[in-house]
């Protein structure tokens, strides 16, 4: 999880720094906003990761005790008889 948070923080830093430089803002202001964005991105990533892990653990604990029943196989319909000269062919068994 540390690596993920670090990578997301670096991504946020680079993204906000690039946008600040593209908008021709002064370098110190762009660096400060990029640092704040890196912290914000990292905290948001950490919160989201913990939320996903907690949900996953809860789902594991609440696995149903009974096995899931196999779905019922629908009855296959009899194929239609071919048409012969506008009428159905008779079926002889």
C-alpha atoms as a PDB file:
ATOM      1  CA  UNK A   1       0.000   0.000   0.000  1.00  0.00           C
ATOM      2  CA  UNK A   2       2.926   2.340   0.646  1.00  0.00           C
ATOM      3  CA  UNK A   3       4.104   2.077  -2.932  1.00  0.00           C
ATOM      4  CA  UNK A   4       0.647   2.770  -4.304  1.00  0.00           C
ATOM      5  CA  UNK A   5       0.225   5.851  -2.117  1.00  0.00           C
ATOM      6  CA  UNK A   6       3.705   7.087  -3.087  1.00  0.00           C
ATOM      7  CA  UNK A   7       3.059   6.591  -6.792  1.00  0.00           C
ATOM      8  CA  UNK A   8      -0.299   8.365  -6.622  1.00  0.00           C
ATOM      9  CA  UNK A   9       1.306  11.230  -4.675  1.00  0.00           C
ATOM     10  CA  UNK A  10       4.024  11.580  -7.319  1.00  0.00           C
ATOM     11  CA  UNK A  11       1.400  11.490 -10.058  1.00  0.00           C
ATOM     12  CA  UNK A  12      -0.579  14.254  -8.338  1.00  0.00           C
ATOM     13  CA  UNK A  13       2.581  16.328  -7.908  1.00  0.00           C
ATOM     14  CA  UNK A  14       3.585  15.996 -11.565  1.00  0.00           C
ATOM     15  CA  UNK A  15       0.055  16.646 -12.817  1.00  0.00           C
ATOM     16  CA  UNK A  16      -0.491  19.825 -10.817  1.00  0.00           C
ATOM     17  CA  UNK A  17       3.048  21.079 -11.479  1.00  0.00           C
ATOM     18  CA  UNK A  18       2.586  20.567 -15.234  1.00  0.00           C
ATOM     19  CA  UNK A  19      -0.751  22.369 -15.203  1.00  0.00           C
ATOM     20  CA  UNK A  20       0.726  25.244 -13.182  1.00  0.00           C
ATOM     21  CA  UNK A  21       3.641  25.613 -15.579  1.00  0.00           C
ATOM     22  CA  UNK A  22       1.368  25.386 -18.636  1.00  0.00           C
ATOM     23  CA  UNK A  23      -0.763  28.187 -17.211  1.00  0.00           C
ATOM     24  CA  UNK A  24       2.479  30.213 -16.811  1.00  0.00           C
ATOM     25  CA  UNK A  25       2.166  30.624 -13.048  1.00  0.00           C
ATOM     26  CA  UNK A  26       5.336  31.478 -11.111  1.00  0.00           C
ATOM     27  CA  UNK A  27       7.545  28.493 -10.252  1.00  0.00           C
ATOM     28  CA  UNK A  28       7.347  28.867  -6.427  1.00  0.00           C
ATOM     29  CA  UNK A  29       3.549  29.009  -6.552  1.00  0.00           C
ATOM     30  CA  UNK A  30       3.414  25.991  -8.886  1.00  0.00           C
ATOM     31  CA  UNK A  31       5.718  24.009  -6.573  1.00  0.00           C
ATOM     32  CA  UNK A  32       3.686  24.814  -3.469  1.00  0.00           C
ATOM     33  CA  UNK A  33       0.392  23.877  -5.108  1.00  0.00           C
ATOM     34  CA  UNK A  34       1.986  20.700  -6.481  1.00  0.00           C
ATOM     35  CA  UNK A  35       3.188  19.740  -2.984  1.00  0.00           C
ATOM     36  CA  UNK A  36      -0.279  20.308  -1.537  1.00  0.00           C
ATOM     37  CA  UNK A  37      -1.786  18.296  -4.378  1.00  0.00           C
ATOM     38  CA  UNK A  38       0.667  15.436  -3.766  1.00  0.00           C
ATOM     39  CA  UNK A  39      -0.409  15.241  -0.126  1.00  0.00           C
ATOM     40  CA  UNK A  40      -4.076  15.436  -1.111  1.00  0.00           C
ATOM     41  CA  UNK A  41      -3.764  12.752  -3.779  1.00  0.00           C
ATOM     42  CA  UNK A  42      -1.855  10.462  -1.381  1.00  0.00           C
ATOM     43  CA  UNK A  43      -4.397  10.883   1.433  1.00  0.00           C
ATOM     44  CA  UNK A  44      -7.290  10.275  -0.920  1.00  0.00           C
ATOM     45  CA  UNK A  45      -5.588   7.139  -2.280  1.00  0.00           C
ATOM     46  CA  UNK A  46      -4.895   5.849   1.228  1.00  0.00           C
ATOM     47  CA  UNK A  47      -8.508   6.415   2.298  1.00  0.00           C
ATOM     48  CA  UNK A  48      -9.872   4.724  -0.821  1.00  0.00           C
ATOM     49  CA  UNK A  49      -7.515   1.739  -0.465  1.00  0.00           C
ATOM     50  CA  UNK A  50      -8.502   1.233   3.171  1.00  0.00           C
ATOM     51  CA  UNK A  51     -12.175   1.439   2.206  1.00  0.00           C
ATOM     52  CA  UNK A  52     -11.737  -1.212  -0.496  1.00  0.00           C
ATOM     53  CA  UNK A  53      -9.763  -3.522   1.802  1.00  0.00           C
ATOM     54  CA  UNK A  54     -12.335  -3.168   4.595  1.00  0.00           C
ATOM     55  CA  UNK A  55     -15.146  -3.969   2.160  1.00  0.00           C
ATOM     56  CA  UNK A  56     -13.222  -6.973   0.845  1.00  0.00           C
ATOM     57  CA  UNK A  57     -12.613  -8.335   4.355  1.00  0.00           C
ATOM     58  CA  UNK A  58     -16.272  -7.863   5.226  1.00  0.00           C
ATOM     59  CA  UNK A  59     -17.332  -9.712   2.075  1.00  0.00           C
ATOM     60  CA  UNK A  60     -15.001 -12.609   2.926  1.00  0.00           C
ATOM     61  CA  UNK A  61     -16.503 -12.918   6.405  1.00  0.00           C
ATOM     62  CA  UNK A  62     -20.089 -12.938   5.161  1.00  0.00           C
ATOM     63  CA  UNK A  63     -19.706 -15.728   2.608  1.00  0.00           C
ATOM     64  CA  UNK A  64     -22.906 -17.793   2.567  1.00  0.00           C
ATOM     65  CA  UNK A  65     -22.652 -21.131   4.397  1.00  0.00           C
ATOM     66  CA  UNK A  66     -24.730 -22.991   1.821  1.00  0.00           C
ATOM     67  CA  UNK A  67     -23.357 -23.630  -1.642  1.00  0.00           C
ATOM     68  CA  UNK A  68     -25.025 -21.769  -4.433  1.00  0.00           C
ATOM     69  CA  UNK A  69     -27.548 -23.947  -6.237  1.00  0.00           C
ATOM     70  CA  UNK A  70     -26.878 -24.653  -9.872  1.00  0.00           C
ATOM     71  CA  UNK A  71     -29.228 -22.788 -12.174  1.00  0.00           C
ATOM     72  CA  UNK A  72     -32.076 -24.845 -13.568  1.00  0.00           C
ATOM     73  CA  UNK A  73     -31.516 -25.911 -17.138  1.00  0.00           C
ATOM     74  CA  UNK A  74     -34.453 -24.818 -19.266  1.00  0.00           C
ATOM     75  CA  UNK A  75     -36.210 -27.492 -21.293  1.00  0.00           C
ATOM     76  CA  UNK A  76     -35.108 -27.485 -24.889  1.00  0.00           C
ATOM     77  CA  UNK A  77     -37.949 -26.795 -27.277  1.00  0.00           C
ATOM     78  CA  UNK A  78     -38.606 -29.347 -29.997  1.00  0.00           C
ATOM     79  CA  UNK A  79     -37.320 -28.171 -33.348  1.00  0.00           C
ATOM     80  CA  UNK A  80     -39.956 -27.126 -35.813  1.00  0.00           C
ATOM     81  CA  UNK A  81     -40.635 -29.447 -38.718  1.00  0.00           C
ATOM     82  CA  UNK A  82     -39.508 -28.251 -42.121  1.00  0.00           C
ATOM     83  CA  UNK A  83     -42.029 -26.881 -44.568  1.00  0.00           C
ATOM     84  CA  UNK A  84     -42.693 -28.880 -47.720  1.00  0.00           C
ATOM     85  CA  UNK A  85     -44.487 -27.086 -50.530  1.00  0.00           C
ATOM     86  CA  UNK A  86     -46.130 -24.649 -48.134  1.00  0.00           C
ATOM     87  CA  UNK A  87     -47.298 -27.327 -45.674  1.00  0.00           C
ATOM     88  CA  UNK A  88     -45.552 -28.970 -42.792  1.00  0.00           C
ATOM     89  CA  UNK A  89     -44.082 -32.370 -43.443  1.00  0.00           C
ATOM     90  CA  UNK A  90     -45.723 -35.114 -41.468  1.00  0.00           C
ATOM     91  CA  UNK A  91     -43.697 -36.638 -38.677  1.00  0.00           C
ATOM     92  CA  UNK A  92     -43.735 -40.375 -38.552  1.00  0.00           C
ATOM     93  CA  UNK A  93     -42.367 -42.237 -35.600  1.00  0.00           C
END
